[in-house]
Amino acid sequence: MSINFILTYALLFLSSLIISAFKSKYSIHLSTLLIFSSLIVNAIPLAGILAAGLAELESKLFTDFLIYAMCEVILIVGLISTLYSIKYFDSELNGRFRLYFAIIPILLATLIGLVSSSNLIYMLFFLEASTALSAILVLYGERRGRAVISVIVYLAMSILESILIIIGVCLLINGYGLHFDLLDVYRLSRYGIYGWNFKLASYLILLGFGIKAGTSPLALLWLPLVHSEAPSPVSAMLSGVIIESAYIPILKYVYSLSPIISMDVGAFITISGLINIVLGGLGMIIDRDIKRVIAFSSILSMGFLGSSIGLSVSMSGYEAYLCIFGSTLYLFAHSIAKALLFLSAGLYVKAFHERNWLKLSMATRSMPITSLMIILGGISVSGLLPFFSGYYGKHMVMESIIYSGNQFYGIPSSIYEGLIYLSGIIVLCVFLGIVVASARGSGVFREKPDLMFTSIILLALISIIIGIMYHGFLAYGVSIHNDVMFKFIDLW
């Protein structure tokens, strides 16, 4: 473990300890400052990796770059959600809510542990630790009875995913004589793990992580319910970093074992993702609860990421590079945009005490900048428009599909292309529709520069900066694209 990670963990635990030990309201502000400090500490090695240039980046994509970039996103969303929460719970900062603020830094630490781990047992431990901590935060939801029910469902699905992963790990241990230290995803391919044991283990492990990541249709049983009943800043963390962090083990597993992983497993991941795209899109169209609509858009987006990683199994060289790299870029963009959507929706709900977006007839005129933030988040998640953060990752995946051939796993490539484009259109139209429908009536201007409003502005700026960086990054990469590609193919 690097000194940066040790210092990051220390700052986060100190942040939690300060809130627990001191009752002054200023302890929350000091705790927030420590989270910001951990963000700076993590940014130092990330900046060093990016400074090395594209020619060196491909060798670090699924190690240092992926880990530090995702950790930075976790800390950014966690920091801004904490700032938002200070105003969100402003009138109720008693002992119960101090526990809320003490849990957040520990939750961020468990997510960093999940993202940075490569051992399957460690991944499972951090996954379930993050589930337990986030379940406590969900209980702070405004609709207490529904929040309790959602937590029960959340924990039940967590038990199921744990059982699946544990059975998969046991198959690897019993079938190939592996012990704890050898359950590192980057080392498994060296041990000659072939046959039905490995295939079944892969199904179970990927399904287990997929339930939490939203890439499996089973995620529909908990994700819309839990994300909609949690307080808005908790929803932002659930949809902005928790499900994405659970996706990282899937990405590592498939990437590291791609030379030996079965095409059947790749097809399983791909079809699961496509089903989530369809069901998530239908949920967005049918539902009227604005927070559930955003949750269904997470199902759709994570379905896209799941199908992308599944498709990469059937690709080679150039196409695999585009697909893997594109899905990674989209993952970071999705995290920020989804947090922006939930925090913006939280301002609507806080101001009007209404979740049904058809009844928010005065929202757009009363809160025009917040409405603009919802449009920005919708555009970024849709991945349809250039210069917005979600565009570049999604279109790299589309390019990989076009280059790879006419079909994957017996399904014409036009089906994949059509579903991906259609999903983006649905996301964009639904969020635009919410804002337009909310502009029907007149209203009193309600936006003021408090911490909640400032938080969504910060996320919007970060999303825009990511889009600009992606554009410059890929434009610069054109001149050395072939050199990078061939190096990546050799590593693959």
Protein backbone atom coordinates (compact mmCIF):
# COMPACT_ATOMS: atom_id res chain seq x y z
CA MET A 1 0.00 0.00 0.00
CA SER A 2 1.40 3.40 -1.01
CA ILE A 3 1.96 6.28 1.39
CA ASN A 4 -0.79 8.20 -0.42
CA PHE A 5 -3.38 5.57 0.42
CA ILE A 6 -2.21 5.36 4.03
CA LEU A 7 -2.48 9.13 4.40
CA THR A 8 -5.89 9.17 2.66
CA TYR A 9 -7.25 6.52 5.03
CA ALA A 10 -5.77 8.36 8.03
CA LEU A 11 -7.42 11.64 7.04
CA LEU A 12 -10.79 9.98 6.49
CA PHE A 13 -10.73 8.14 9.81
CA LEU A 14 -9.58 11.32 11.58
CA SER A 15 -12.48 13.14 9.93
CA SER A 16 -14.94 10.63 11.38
CA LEU A 17 -13.26 10.69 14.79
CA ILE A 18 -13.47 14.48 15.07
CA ILE A 19 -17.23 14.47 14.50
CA SER A 20 -17.67 11.64 16.99
CA ALA A 21 -15.54 13.26 19.69
CA PHE A 22 -16.60 16.93 19.50
CA LYS A 23 -20.16 18.24 19.64
CA SER A 24 -19.47 21.65 18.17
CA LYS A 25 -21.06 22.31 14.79
CA TYR A 26 -17.63 23.43 13.59
CA SER A 27 -16.39 19.85 13.91
CA ILE A 28 -18.45 19.01 10.82
CA HIS A 29 -16.74 21.79 8.89
CA LEU A 30 -13.32 20.57 10.07
CA SER A 31 -14.27 17.04 9.08
CA THR A 32 -15.21 18.29 5.62
CA LEU A 33 -11.84 20.05 5.36
CA LEU A 34 -10.09 16.75 6.12
CA ILE A 35 -12.07 15.00 3.36
CA PHE A 36 -10.91 17.76 1.01
CA SER A 37 -7.33 17.19 2.18
CA SER A 38 -7.62 13.48 1.38
CA LEU A 39 -8.83 14.46 -2.09
CA ILE A 40 -5.68 16.56 -2.61
CA VAL A 41 -3.44 13.76 -1.32
CA ASN A 42 -5.02 11.30 -3.79
CA ALA A 43 -4.76 13.81 -6.65
CA ILE A 44 -0.95 13.98 -6.42
CA PRO A 45 -0.19 10.46 -7.77
CA LEU A 46 -3.05 10.77 -10.29
CA ALA A 47 -1.52 13.96 -11.66
CA GLY A 48 1.83 12.17 -11.93
CA ILE A 49 0.26 9.34 -13.93
CA LEU A 50 -1.44 11.74 -16.33
CA ALA A 51 1.74 13.80 -16.65
CA ALA A 52 3.52 10.69 -17.96
CA GLY A 53 1.47 11.12 -21.15
CA LEU A 54 -0.64 8.86 -23.30
CA ALA A 55 2.32 6.82 -24.43
CA GLU A 56 2.72 5.42 -20.92
CA LEU A 57 -0.91 5.47 -19.81
CA GLU A 58 -2.08 2.23 -21.37
CA SER A 59 0.11 0.13 -19.08
CA LYS A 60 -1.50 1.76 -16.03
CA LEU A 61 -5.08 1.89 -17.23
CA PHE A 62 -6.40 -0.88 -15.04
CA THR A 63 -3.95 -0.43 -12.20
CA ASP A 64 -2.78 2.99 -11.05
CA PHE A 65 -4.84 5.16 -13.41
CA LEU A 66 -8.13 3.34 -12.84
CA ILE A 67 -7.65 3.14 -9.08
CA TYR A 68 -6.55 6.73 -8.44
CA ALA A 69 -9.07 8.22 -10.89
CA MET A 70 -11.98 6.33 -9.33
CA CYS A 71 -10.77 7.19 -5.83
CA GLU A 72 -10.69 10.84 -6.83
CA VAL A 73 -14.28 10.62 -8.08
CA ILE A 74 -15.33 8.92 -4.82
CA LEU A 75 -13.76 11.70 -2.75
CA ILE A 76 -15.21 14.47 -4.94
CA VAL A 77 -18.76 13.11 -4.75
CA GLY A 78 -18.36 12.33 -1.03
CA LEU A 79 -17.04 15.83 -0.28
CA ILE A 80 -19.78 17.62 -2.22
CA SER A 81 -22.49 15.37 -0.77
CA THR A 82 -21.21 16.23 2.72
CA LEU A 83 -21.33 19.96 1.97
CA TYR A 84 -24.84 19.54 0.61
CA SER A 85 -25.86 17.57 3.72
CA ILE A 86 -24.81 20.37 6.09
CA LYS A 87 -27.59 22.59 4.76
CA TYR A 88 -29.93 19.68 4.01
CA PHE A 89 -30.02 18.70 7.72
CA ASP A 90 -29.32 22.22 9.01
CA SER A 91 -32.18 22.33 11.54
CA GLU A 92 -31.52 18.85 12.91
CA LEU A 93 -27.80 18.63 13.67
CA ASN A 94 -28.31 16.62 16.85
CA GLY A 95 -26.60 13.40 17.98
CA ARG A 96 -28.49 11.28 15.45
CA PHE A 97 -27.37 13.42 12.55
CA ARG A 98 -23.82 13.69 13.85
CA LEU A 99 -23.66 9.92 13.38
CA TYR A 100 -24.66 10.51 9.75
CA PHE A 101 -21.68 12.82 9.18
CA ALA A 102 -19.34 10.47 11.08
CA ILE A 103 -20.32 7.55 8.82
CA ILE A 104 -19.66 9.29 5.50
CA PRO A 105 -15.81 9.40 5.74
CA ILE A 106 -15.72 5.72 6.78
CA LEU A 107 -18.00 4.87 3.85
CA LEU A 108 -15.62 6.69 1.49
CA ALA A 109 -12.71 4.72 2.98
CA THR A 110 -14.47 1.40 2.34
CA LEU A 111 -15.19 2.39 -1.27
CA ILE A 112 -11.53 3.31 -1.78
CA GLY A 113 -10.63 -0.09 -0.33
CA LEU A 114 -13.02 -1.79 -2.76
CA VAL A 115 -11.63 0.07 -5.76
CA SER A 116 -7.97 -0.42 -4.82
CA SER A 117 -8.23 -4.14 -3.92
CA SER A 118 -7.52 -6.92 -6.38
CA ASN A 119 -8.05 -9.88 -4.03
CA LEU A 120 -11.58 -11.28 -4.29
CA ILE A 121 -11.94 -11.72 -0.52
CA TYR A 122 -10.89 -8.15 0.19
CA MET A 123 -13.28 -6.93 -2.49
CA LEU A 124 -16.15 -8.82 -0.89
CA PHE A 125 -15.28 -7.47 2.57
CA PHE A 126 -15.19 -3.85 1.42
CA LEU A 127 -18.33 -4.33 -0.69
CA GLU A 128 -20.35 -5.54 2.30
CA ALA A 129 -18.83 -2.96 4.65
CA SER A 130 -19.94 -0.20 2.26
CA THR A 131 -23.39 -1.80 2.08
CA ALA A 132 -23.80 -1.83 5.86
CA LEU A 133 -22.67 1.78 6.21
CA SER A 134 -24.78 3.08 3.33
CA ALA A 135 -27.82 1.17 4.69
CA ILE A 136 -27.57 3.22 7.90
CA LEU A 137 -27.48 6.43 5.86
CA VAL A 138 -30.58 5.38 3.87
CA LEU A 139 -32.52 5.25 7.16
CA TYR A 140 -32.24 9.05 7.32
CA GLY A 141 -34.75 9.28 4.44
CA GLU A 142 -37.72 11.58 4.85
CA ARG A 143 -40.30 8.80 4.45
CA ARG A 144 -39.19 6.73 7.43
CA GLY A 145 -41.42 3.68 6.92
CA ARG A 146 -40.47 3.29 3.28
CA ALA A 147 -36.81 3.90 4.10
CA VAL A 148 -36.87 0.99 6.58
CA ILE A 149 -38.48 -1.31 3.99
CA SER A 150 -35.93 -0.27 1.37
CA VAL A 151 -33.05 -1.04 3.77
CA ILE A 152 -34.47 -4.50 4.49
CA VAL A 153 -34.60 -5.21 0.75
CA TYR A 154 -31.12 -3.72 0.32
CA LEU A 155 -29.61 -5.95 3.00
CA ALA A 156 -31.45 -9.03 1.69
CA MET A 157 -29.97 -8.47 -1.78
CA SER A 158 -26.58 -7.89 -0.15
CA ILE A 159 -26.80 -11.30 1.51
CA LEU A 160 -27.67 -12.86 -1.84
CA GLU A 161 -24.73 -11.22 -3.63
CA SER A 162 -22.38 -12.30 -0.83
CA ILE A 163 -23.56 -15.90 -1.08
CA LEU A 164 -23.02 -15.93 -4.85
CA ILE A 165 -19.51 -14.47 -4.58
CA ILE A 166 -18.53 -16.81 -1.73
CA ILE A 167 -19.72 -19.88 -3.66
CA GLY A 168 -17.75 -18.68 -6.69
CA VAL A 169 -14.62 -18.19 -4.60
CA CYS A 170 -15.07 -21.64 -3.03
CA LEU A 171 -15.26 -23.17 -6.50
CA LEU A 172 -11.91 -21.56 -7.35
CA ILE A 173 -10.36 -22.72 -4.09
CA ASN A 174 -11.66 -26.30 -4.20
CA GLY A 175 -11.34 -26.79 -7.95
CA TYR A 176 -7.79 -25.50 -8.35
CA GLY A 177 -6.24 -25.77 -4.89
CA LEU A 178 -5.90 -22.01 -4.55
CA HIS A 179 -5.46 -20.39 -1.16
CA PHE A 180 -6.27 -16.89 0.08
CA ASP A 181 -3.16 -15.14 -1.29
CA LEU A 182 -3.75 -16.53 -4.78
CA LEU A 183 -7.25 -15.06 -5.16
CA ASP A 184 -5.84 -11.94 -6.77
CA VAL A 185 -7.63 -11.25 -10.07
CA TYR A 186 -4.38 -10.18 -11.73
CA ARG A 187 -2.72 -13.51 -10.88
CA LEU A 188 -5.51 -16.02 -11.45
CA SER A 189 -4.80 -16.48 -15.15
CA ARG A 190 -1.32 -17.87 -14.30
CA TYR A 191 -2.66 -20.92 -12.49
CA GLY A 192 -4.23 -22.88 -15.36
CA ILE A 193 -7.83 -22.38 -14.20
CA TYR A 194 -9.91 -23.80 -17.04
CA GLY A 195 -13.04 -25.92 -17.25
CA TRP A 196 -16.52 -25.82 -15.76
CA ASN A 197 -15.34 -24.85 -12.25
CA PHE A 198 -13.86 -21.63 -13.55
CA LYS A 199 -16.83 -20.91 -15.82
CA LEU A 200 -19.39 -21.44 -13.04
CA ALA A 201 -17.26 -19.45 -10.60
CA SER A 202 -17.13 -16.58 -13.11
CA TYR A 203 -20.91 -16.62 -13.52
CA LEU A 204 -21.47 -16.44 -9.78
CA ILE A 205 -18.79 -13.85 -8.99
CA LEU A 206 -19.83 -11.52 -11.80
CA LEU A 207 -23.52 -11.93 -10.95
CA GLY A 208 -22.80 -11.17 -7.30
CA PHE A 209 -20.93 -7.95 -8.03
CA GLY A 210 -23.42 -7.18 -10.81
CA ILE A 211 -26.32 -7.07 -8.35
CA LYS A 212 -24.67 -4.22 -6.46
CA ALA A 213 -23.27 -2.53 -9.59
CA GLY A 214 -26.62 -2.48 -11.40
CA THR A 215 -25.37 -4.52 -14.36
CA SER A 216 -27.62 -7.49 -13.49
CA PRO A 217 -31.43 -7.43 -13.88
CA LEU A 218 -31.62 -8.49 -10.20
CA ALA A 219 -30.54 -4.95 -9.33
CA LEU A 220 -34.08 -3.86 -10.23
CA LEU A 221 -35.25 -5.50 -7.01
CA TRP A 222 -33.40 -2.96 -4.85
CA LEU A 223 -31.84 -0.07 -6.74
CA PRO A 224 -34.88 2.09 -7.68
CA LEU A 225 -36.41 1.55 -4.23
CA VAL A 226 -33.30 2.33 -2.16
CA HIS A 227 -32.03 5.23 -4.28
CA SER A 228 -35.42 6.94 -4.20
CA GLU A 229 -36.00 6.55 -0.44
CA ALA A 230 -32.55 7.68 0.70
CA PRO A 231 -31.90 11.37 1.46
CA SER A 232 -30.82 13.13 -1.72
CA PRO A 233 -27.11 13.44 -0.73
CA VAL A 234 -27.07 9.72 0.08
CA SER A 235 -28.79 8.97 -3.24
CA ALA A 236 -26.01 10.95 -4.91
CA MET A 237 -23.39 8.72 -3.28
CA LEU A 238 -25.34 5.52 -3.95
CA SER A 239 -25.80 6.30 -7.63
CA GLY A 240 -22.67 8.39 -8.09
CA VAL A 241 -19.96 6.21 -6.52
CA ILE A 242 -21.26 3.10 -4.72
CA ILE A 243 -22.61 1.23 -7.75
CA GLU A 244 -19.65 2.40 -9.84
CA SER A 245 -17.22 1.14 -7.20
CA ALA A 246 -18.97 -2.24 -7.32
CA TYR A 247 -18.47 -2.22 -11.11
CA ILE A 248 -14.68 -1.92 -10.74
CA PRO A 249 -14.25 -5.58 -9.57
CA ILE A 250 -16.21 -6.70 -12.67
CA LEU A 251 -13.95 -4.59 -14.86
CA LYS A 252 -10.80 -5.94 -13.21
CA TYR A 253 -12.00 -9.55 -13.34
CA VAL A 254 -12.93 -9.50 -17.02
CA TYR A 255 -9.88 -7.47 -18.06
CA SER A 256 -7.34 -9.60 -16.21
CA LEU A 257 -8.89 -12.93 -17.22
CA SER A 258 -9.94 -12.00 -20.77
CA PRO A 259 -7.46 -14.42 -22.42
CA ILE A 260 -9.09 -17.42 -20.72
CA ILE A 261 -12.60 -16.28 -19.86
CA SER A 262 -15.37 -18.16 -21.67
CA MET A 263 -17.38 -16.55 -24.46
CA ASP A 264 -20.46 -17.86 -22.65
CA VAL A 265 -19.56 -15.70 -19.67
CA GLY A 266 -19.06 -12.70 -21.95
CA ALA A 267 -22.46 -13.34 -23.52
CA PHE A 268 -24.02 -13.61 -20.04
CA ILE A 269 -22.66 -10.19 -19.01
CA THR A 270 -23.65 -8.63 -22.33
CA ILE A 271 -27.24 -9.92 -22.35
CA SER A 272 -27.71 -8.95 -18.69
CA GLY A 273 -26.58 -5.43 -19.55
CA LEU A 274 -28.89 -5.21 -22.57
CA ILE A 275 -31.85 -6.30 -20.45
CA ASN A 276 -31.02 -3.54 -17.97
CA ILE A 277 -30.89 -0.99 -20.78
CA VAL A 278 -34.41 -1.97 -21.85
CA LEU A 279 -35.89 -2.21 -18.35
CA GLY A 280 -34.16 0.97 -17.17
CA GLY A 281 -35.50 2.87 -20.18
CA LEU A 282 -39.03 1.58 -19.60
CA GLY A 283 -38.81 2.55 -15.92
CA MET A 284 -37.75 6.09 -16.84
CA ILE A 285 -40.69 6.47 -19.23
CA ILE A 286 -43.35 4.98 -16.94
CA ASP A 287 -42.41 6.25 -13.46
CA ARG A 288 -43.41 9.68 -12.18
CA ASP A 289 -41.28 9.89 -9.02
CA ILE A 290 -38.36 12.11 -10.05
CA LYS A 291 -35.88 10.28 -7.81
CA ARG A 292 -36.98 6.87 -9.10
CA VAL A 293 -36.64 8.15 -12.67
CA ILE A 294 -33.01 9.02 -11.93
CA ALA A 295 -32.53 5.61 -10.29
CA PHE A 296 -33.90 3.86 -13.40
CA SER A 297 -31.47 5.90 -15.50
CA SER A 298 -28.70 4.38 -13.33
CA ILE A 299 -30.01 0.91 -14.20
CA LEU A 300 -29.88 1.88 -17.87
CA SER A 301 -26.38 3.39 -17.70
CA MET A 302 -24.88 0.54 -15.71
CA GLY A 303 -26.53 -1.86 -18.16
CA PHE A 304 -24.61 -0.07 -20.92
CA LEU A 305 -21.36 -0.45 -18.97
CA GLY A 306 -22.08 -4.12 -18.28
CA SER A 307 -22.82 -4.88 -21.91
CA SER A 308 -19.66 -3.00 -22.93
CA ILE A 309 -17.39 -5.09 -20.73
CA GLY A 310 -19.18 -8.23 -21.93
CA LEU A 311 -18.65 -7.28 -25.58
CA SER A 312 -14.94 -6.70 -24.98
CA VAL A 313 -14.56 -10.43 -24.23
CA SER A 314 -15.37 -11.22 -27.88
CA MET A 315 -13.08 -8.50 -29.23
CA SER A 316 -9.34 -8.39 -29.72
CA GLY A 317 -6.63 -5.76 -29.89
CA TYR A 318 -7.83 -2.43 -31.26
CA GLU A 319 -11.55 -3.00 -30.64
CA ALA A 320 -11.02 -4.28 -27.11
CA TYR A 321 -8.91 -1.22 -26.33
CA LEU A 322 -11.65 1.13 -27.53
CA CYS A 323 -14.38 -0.72 -25.67
CA ILE A 324 -12.55 -1.01 -22.33
CA PHE A 325 -11.14 2.50 -22.41
CA GLY A 326 -14.44 3.99 -23.55
CA SER A 327 -16.44 2.31 -20.80
CA THR A 328 -13.89 3.55 -18.25
CA LEU A 329 -14.21 7.15 -19.44
CA TYR A 330 -17.99 6.89 -19.36
CA LEU A 331 -17.88 5.46 -15.83
CA PHE A 332 -16.19 8.58 -14.44
CA ALA A 333 -18.50 10.92 -16.36
CA HIS A 334 -21.57 9.00 -15.20
CA SER A 335 -20.51 9.25 -11.53
CA ILE A 336 -20.39 13.04 -11.54
CA ALA A 337 -23.48 13.51 -13.71
CA LYS A 338 -25.62 11.15 -11.64
CA ALA A 339 -24.62 12.85 -8.39
CA LEU A 340 -25.54 16.17 -10.04
CA LEU A 341 -28.98 14.84 -11.00
CA PHE A 342 -29.82 13.53 -7.54
CA LEU A 343 -28.64 16.68 -5.74
CA SER A 344 -30.59 18.86 -8.18
CA ALA A 345 -33.70 16.74 -7.72
CA GLY A 346 -33.17 17.07 -3.96
CA LEU A 347 -33.47 20.85 -4.29
CA TYR A 348 -36.80 20.37 -6.08
CA VAL A 349 -38.09 18.01 -3.40
CA LYS A 350 -36.84 20.23 -0.55
CA ALA A 351 -38.43 23.34 -2.02
CA PHE A 352 -41.82 21.92 -3.08
CA HIS A 353 -42.20 18.76 -0.95
CA GLU A 354 -43.27 16.92 -4.09
CA ARG A 355 -41.70 14.00 -5.96
CA ASN A 356 -44.14 13.56 -8.83
CA TRP A 357 -42.53 15.53 -11.61
CA LEU A 358 -45.90 16.06 -13.34
CA LYS A 359 -46.97 18.09 -10.31
CA LEU A 360 -43.86 20.27 -10.22
CA SER A 361 -45.50 22.77 -12.56
CA MET A 362 -43.73 25.81 -11.07
CA ALA A 363 -40.28 24.32 -10.49
CA THR A 364 -38.49 25.48 -13.65
CA ARG A 365 -39.63 29.08 -13.36
CA SER A 366 -38.89 29.16 -9.62
CA MET A 367 -35.53 27.38 -9.88
CA PRO A 368 -34.18 27.97 -13.42
CA ILE A 369 -30.51 27.26 -12.66
CA THR A 370 -31.36 24.01 -10.86
CA SER A 371 -33.46 23.01 -13.88
CA LEU A 372 -30.50 23.80 -16.13
CA MET A 373 -28.36 21.50 -13.97
CA ILE A 374 -30.85 18.66 -14.55
CA ILE A 375 -30.58 19.23 -18.30
CA LEU A 376 -26.77 19.26 -18.07
CA GLY A 377 -26.79 16.02 -16.08
CA GLY A 378 -29.21 14.41 -18.55
CA ILE A 379 -27.08 15.40 -21.55
CA SER A 380 -23.93 14.05 -19.89
CA VAL A 381 -25.54 10.71 -19.00
CA SER A 382 -27.12 10.35 -22.46
CA GLY A 383 -23.71 10.57 -24.17
CA LEU A 384 -25.25 12.02 -27.34
CA LEU A 385 -23.72 15.50 -27.60
CA PRO A 386 -20.02 16.34 -28.13
CA PHE A 387 -18.12 18.37 -25.51
CA PHE A 388 -20.25 16.84 -22.73
CA SER A 389 -18.52 14.31 -20.51
CA GLY A 390 -20.54 11.18 -21.37
CA TYR A 391 -20.17 11.54 -25.13
CA TYR A 392 -16.56 10.45 -25.57
CA GLY A 393 -16.68 7.21 -23.60
CA LYS A 394 -19.97 6.08 -25.13
CA HIS A 395 -18.81 6.77 -28.67
CA MET A 396 -15.53 4.95 -28.19
CA VAL A 397 -17.63 1.91 -27.27
CA MET A 398 -19.79 2.48 -30.35
CA GLU A 399 -16.68 2.73 -32.50
CA SER A 400 -15.40 -0.58 -31.14
CA ILE A 401 -18.70 -2.27 -32.06
CA ILE A 402 -18.61 -0.86 -35.60
CA TYR A 403 -14.99 -2.00 -36.14
CA SER A 404 -15.52 -5.48 -34.70
CA GLY A 405 -17.89 -6.94 -37.26
CA ASN A 406 -21.48 -7.76 -38.00
CA GLN A 407 -22.51 -9.65 -34.88
CA PHE A 408 -21.64 -10.60 -31.29
CA TYR A 409 -22.83 -13.78 -29.61
CA GLY A 410 -25.22 -14.38 -32.51
CA ILE A 411 -26.85 -10.93 -32.23
CA PRO A 412 -26.38 -8.40 -35.08
CA SER A 413 -24.22 -5.44 -34.12
CA SER A 414 -27.01 -3.12 -35.33
CA ILE A 415 -29.09 -4.29 -32.34
CA TYR A 416 -26.38 -3.17 -29.91
CA GLU A 417 -25.90 0.13 -31.73
CA GLY A 418 -29.63 0.79 -31.87
CA LEU A 419 -30.16 0.05 -28.16
CA ILE A 420 -27.24 2.25 -27.11
CA TYR A 421 -28.45 5.19 -29.20
CA LEU A 422 -32.07 4.65 -28.16
CA SER A 423 -31.08 4.55 -24.49
CA GLY A 424 -29.33 7.91 -24.86
CA ILE A 425 -32.35 9.42 -26.59
CA ILE A 426 -34.67 8.17 -23.82
CA VAL A 427 -32.43 9.64 -21.09
CA LEU A 428 -32.18 13.00 -22.84
CA CYS A 429 -35.89 13.24 -23.70
CA VAL A 430 -37.08 12.23 -20.22
CA PHE A 431 -34.92 14.78 -18.38
CA LEU A 432 -35.74 17.49 -20.91
CA GLY A 433 -39.40 16.53 -20.56
CA ILE A 434 -39.25 16.88 -16.76
CA VAL A 435 -37.83 20.39 -17.04
CA VAL A 436 -40.28 21.45 -19.77
CA ALA A 437 -43.25 20.00 -17.89
CA SER A 438 -42.11 21.89 -14.79
CA ALA A 439 -42.18 25.20 -16.68
CA ARG A 440 -45.95 25.29 -17.17
CA GLY A 441 -46.88 27.48 -14.19
CA SER A 442 -45.54 30.66 -12.66
CA GLY A 443 -43.59 30.65 -9.43
CA VAL A 444 -41.61 32.66 -6.93
CA PHE A 445 -37.82 32.62 -7.37
CA ARG A 446 -36.44 30.22 -4.73
CA GLU A 447 -32.75 29.78 -5.50
CA LYS A 448 -30.22 31.20 -3.05
CA PRO A 449 -26.45 30.74 -2.74
CA ASP A 450 -26.43 28.26 0.14
CA LEU A 451 -24.37 25.08 0.42
CA MET A 452 -26.97 22.95 -1.39
CA PHE A 453 -27.09 25.26 -4.39
CA THR A 454 -23.30 25.75 -4.37
CA SER A 455 -22.85 21.96 -4.37
CA ILE A 456 -24.72 21.44 -7.64
CA ILE A 457 -22.82 24.31 -9.27
CA LEU A 458 -19.52 22.67 -8.26
CA LEU A 459 -20.60 19.31 -9.70
CA ALA A 460 -21.76 20.97 -12.91
CA LEU A 461 -18.39 22.69 -13.31
CA ILE A 462 -16.56 19.41 -12.68
CA SER A 463 -18.73 17.66 -15.28
CA ILE A 464 -17.97 20.39 -17.83
CA ILE A 465 -14.24 20.24 -17.05
CA ILE A 466 -14.26 16.45 -17.53
CA GLY A 467 -15.91 16.92 -20.94
CA ILE A 468 -13.28 19.47 -21.97
CA MET A 469 -10.46 17.23 -20.67
CA TYR A 470 -11.82 14.21 -22.55
CA HIS A 471 -12.04 16.23 -25.75
CA GLY A 472 -8.48 17.51 -25.40
CA PHE A 473 -7.21 14.14 -24.25
CA LEU A 474 -8.59 12.32 -27.29
CA ALA A 475 -7.69 15.11 -29.71
CA TYR A 476 -4.08 14.96 -28.48
CA GLY A 477 -4.15 11.19 -28.65
CA VAL A 478 -4.76 11.17 -32.41
CA SER A 479 -1.11 11.91 -33.16
CA ILE A 480 0.22 9.01 -31.11
CA HIS A 481 -2.86 6.78 -31.32
CA ASN A 482 -1.20 3.96 -33.23
CA ASP A 483 1.83 3.74 -30.90
CA VAL A 484 -0.41 3.56 -27.86
CA MET A 485 -2.65 1.00 -29.55
CA PHE A 486 0.09 -1.43 -30.42
CA LYS A 487 1.57 -1.23 -26.91
CA PHE A 488 -1.86 -1.92 -25.45
CA ILE A 489 -2.38 -4.87 -27.79
CA ASP A 490 0.95 -6.36 -26.66
CA LEU A 491 -0.12 -6.05 -23.03
CA TRP A 492 -3.51 -7.54 -23.83
